[in-house]
C-alpha atoms as a PDB file:
ATOM      1  CA  MET A   1       0.000   0.000   0.000  1.00  0.00           C
ATOM      2  CA  PHE A   2       2.489   2.626   1.176  1.00  0.00           C
ATOM      3  CA  GLY A   3       6.232   2.361   0.932  1.00  0.00           C
ATOM      4  CA  ILE A   4       8.795   3.686   3.368  1.00  0.00           C
ATOM      5  CA  SER A   5       9.458   6.789   1.267  1.00  0.00           C
ATOM      6  CA  GLU A   6       5.748   7.751   1.202  1.00  0.00           C
ATOM      7  CA  ILE A   7       5.466   7.303   4.977  1.00  0.00           C
ATOM      8  CA  ALA A   8       8.616   9.385   5.524  1.00  0.00           C
ATOM      9  CA  ILE A   9       7.264  12.199   3.333  1.00  0.00           C
ATOM     10  CA  PHE A  10       3.954  12.086   5.215  1.00  0.00           C
ATOM     11  CA  LEU A  11       5.745  12.317   8.593  1.00  0.00           C
ATOM     12  CA  ILE A  12       7.888  15.245   7.440  1.00  0.00           C
ATOM     13  CA  ILE A  13       4.797  17.118   6.245  1.00  0.00           C
ATOM     14  CA  ALA A  14       2.997  16.323   9.521  1.00  0.00           C
ATOM     15  CA  VAL A  15       5.925  17.688  11.560  1.00  0.00           C
ATOM     16  CA  LEU A  16       5.981  20.841   9.459  1.00  0.00           C
ATOM     17  CA  ILE A  17       2.219  21.382   9.806  1.00  0.00           C
ATOM     18  CA  PHE A  18       1.602  20.406  13.432  1.00  0.00           C
ATOM     19  CA  GLY A  19       5.027  20.730  15.009  1.00  0.00           C
ATOM     20  CA  ALA A  20       7.000  18.051  16.825  1.00  0.00           C
ATOM     21  CA  ARG A  21       5.379  18.775  20.212  1.00  0.00           C
ATOM     22  CA  LYS A  22       1.808  18.240  18.987  1.00  0.00           C
ATOM     23  CA  LEU A  23       2.372  14.926  17.152  1.00  0.00           C
ATOM     24  CA  PRO A  24       2.311  12.612  20.227  1.00  0.00           C
ATOM     25  CA  GLU A  25      -0.876  14.273  21.469  1.00  0.00           C
ATOM     26  CA  LEU A  26      -2.410  13.980  18.005  1.00  0.00           C
ATOM     27  CA  ALA A  27      -1.462  10.291  17.776  1.00  0.00           C
ATOM     28  CA  ARG A  28      -2.964   9.595  21.228  1.00  0.00           C
ATOM     29  CA  SER A  29      -6.179  11.314  20.256  1.00  0.00           C
ATOM     30  CA  LEU A  30      -6.376   9.381  16.995  1.00  0.00           C
ATOM     31  CA  GLY A  31      -5.763   6.078  18.789  1.00  0.00           C
ATOM     32  CA  LYS A  32      -8.411   6.841  21.402  1.00  0.00           C
ATOM     33  CA  SER A  33     -10.927   7.697  18.678  1.00  0.00           C
ATOM     34  CA  ALA A  34     -10.155   4.468  16.823  1.00  0.00           C
ATOM     35  CA  ARG A  35     -10.649   2.413  20.028  1.00  0.00           C
ATOM     36  CA  ILE A  36     -13.998   4.095  20.728  1.00  0.00           C
ATOM     37  CA  LEU A  37     -15.186   3.498  17.177  1.00  0.00           C
ATOM     38  CA  LYS A  38     -14.109  -0.138  17.328  1.00  0.00           C
ATOM     39  CA  SER A  39     -15.867  -0.740  20.658  1.00  0.00           C
ATOM     40  CA  GLU A  40     -19.077   0.879  19.414  1.00  0.00           C
ATOM     41  CA  ALA A  41     -19.015  -1.271  16.276  1.00  0.00           C
ATOM     42  CA  ARG A  42     -18.568  -4.385  18.435  1.00  0.00           C
ATOM     43  CA  ALA A  43     -21.460  -3.311  20.669  1.00  0.00           C
ATOM     44  CA  LEU A  44     -23.746  -2.823  17.677  1.00  0.00           C
ATOM     45  CA  LYS A  45     -22.713  -6.188  16.293  1.00  0.00           C
ATOM     46  CA  SER A  46     -23.361  -7.976  19.596  1.00  0.00           C
ATOM     47  CA  ASP A  47     -26.798  -6.316  19.865  1.00  0.00           C
ATOM     48  CA  GLY A  48     -27.665  -7.647  16.419  1.00  0.00           C
ATOM     49  CA  ILE A  49     -27.990  -4.193  14.900  1.00  0.00           C
ATOM     50  CA  SER A  50     -26.401  -3.869  11.500  1.00  0.00           C
ATOM     51  CA  PRO A  51     -24.610  -0.537  10.997  1.00  0.00           C
ATOM     52  CA  THR A  52     -25.199  -0.755   7.246  1.00  0.00           C
ATOM     53  CA  VAL A  53     -28.194   0.504   5.283  1.00  0.00           C
ATOM     54  CA  PRO A  54     -30.163  -2.056   3.236  1.00  0.00           C
ATOM     55  CA  ALA A  55     -29.124  -2.117  -0.409  1.00  0.00           C
ATOM     56  CA  ASP A  56     -32.562  -1.785  -2.027  1.00  0.00           C
ATOM     57  CA  PRO A  57     -35.629  -0.270  -0.334  1.00  0.00           C
ATOM     58  CA  PRO A  58     -39.032  -1.722  -1.230  1.00  0.00           C
ATOM     59  CA  ALA A  59     -40.211  -0.615  -4.665  1.00  0.00           C
ATOM     60  CA  ASP A  60     -43.575   0.677  -3.434  1.00  0.00           C
ATOM     61  CA  GLY A  61     -42.078   2.525  -0.464  1.00  0.00           C
ATOM     62  CA  ALA A  62     -44.579   0.952   1.933  1.00  0.00           C
ATOM     63  CA  ASN A  63     -42.057   0.405   4.717  1.00  0.00           C
ATOM     64  CA  ASP A  64     -39.611   3.120   3.731  1.00  0.00           C
ATOM     65  CA  PRO A  65     -38.992   5.455   6.716  1.00  0.00           C
ATOM     66  CA  ARG A  66     -37.910   8.217   4.356  1.00  0.00           C
ATOM     67  CA  VAL A  67     -41.422   8.496   2.861  1.00  0.00           C
ATOM     68  CA  ILE A  68     -43.508  11.185   4.538  1.00  0.00           C
ATOM     69  CA  ARG A  69     -47.214  10.465   4.665  1.00  0.00           C
ATOM     70  CA  GLY A  70     -49.848  12.914   5.764  1.00  0.00           C
ATOM     71  CA  THR A  71     -53.543  13.676   5.569  1.00  0.00           C
ATOM     72  CA  ALA A  72     -53.710  16.373   2.926  1.00  0.00           C
ATOM     73  CA  THR A  73     -57.264  17.478   2.186  1.00  0.00           C
ATOM     74  CA  GLU A  74     -56.679  19.574  -0.908  1.00  0.00           C
ATOM     75  CA  LYS A  75     -55.146  18.574  -4.180  1.00  0.00           C
ATOM     76  CA  PRO A  76     -51.658  19.840  -4.950  1.00  0.00           C
ATOM     77  CA  GLY A  77     -51.459  22.230  -7.840  1.00  0.00           C
ATOM     78  CA  PRO A  78     -51.112  25.866  -8.806  1.00  0.00           C
ATOM     79  CA  HIS A  79     -52.855  28.313  -6.509  1.00  0.00           C
END
């Protein structure tokens, strides 16, 4: 995926942008965020909740939560 030269260039750019003092704090924060995301994904998986959206909604939209239904009394059209 990435070679040593690409990683070295990335680290040099990161040091120039953030400074050498901020990099350890940034890495800690990134690691903590990754652990939280991983634990939440495991919790969803153990609860049986799929974090993905179904590929194809029903064609008629009968059970589609994105469809808004109301009780309109007048016909839509120009006023």
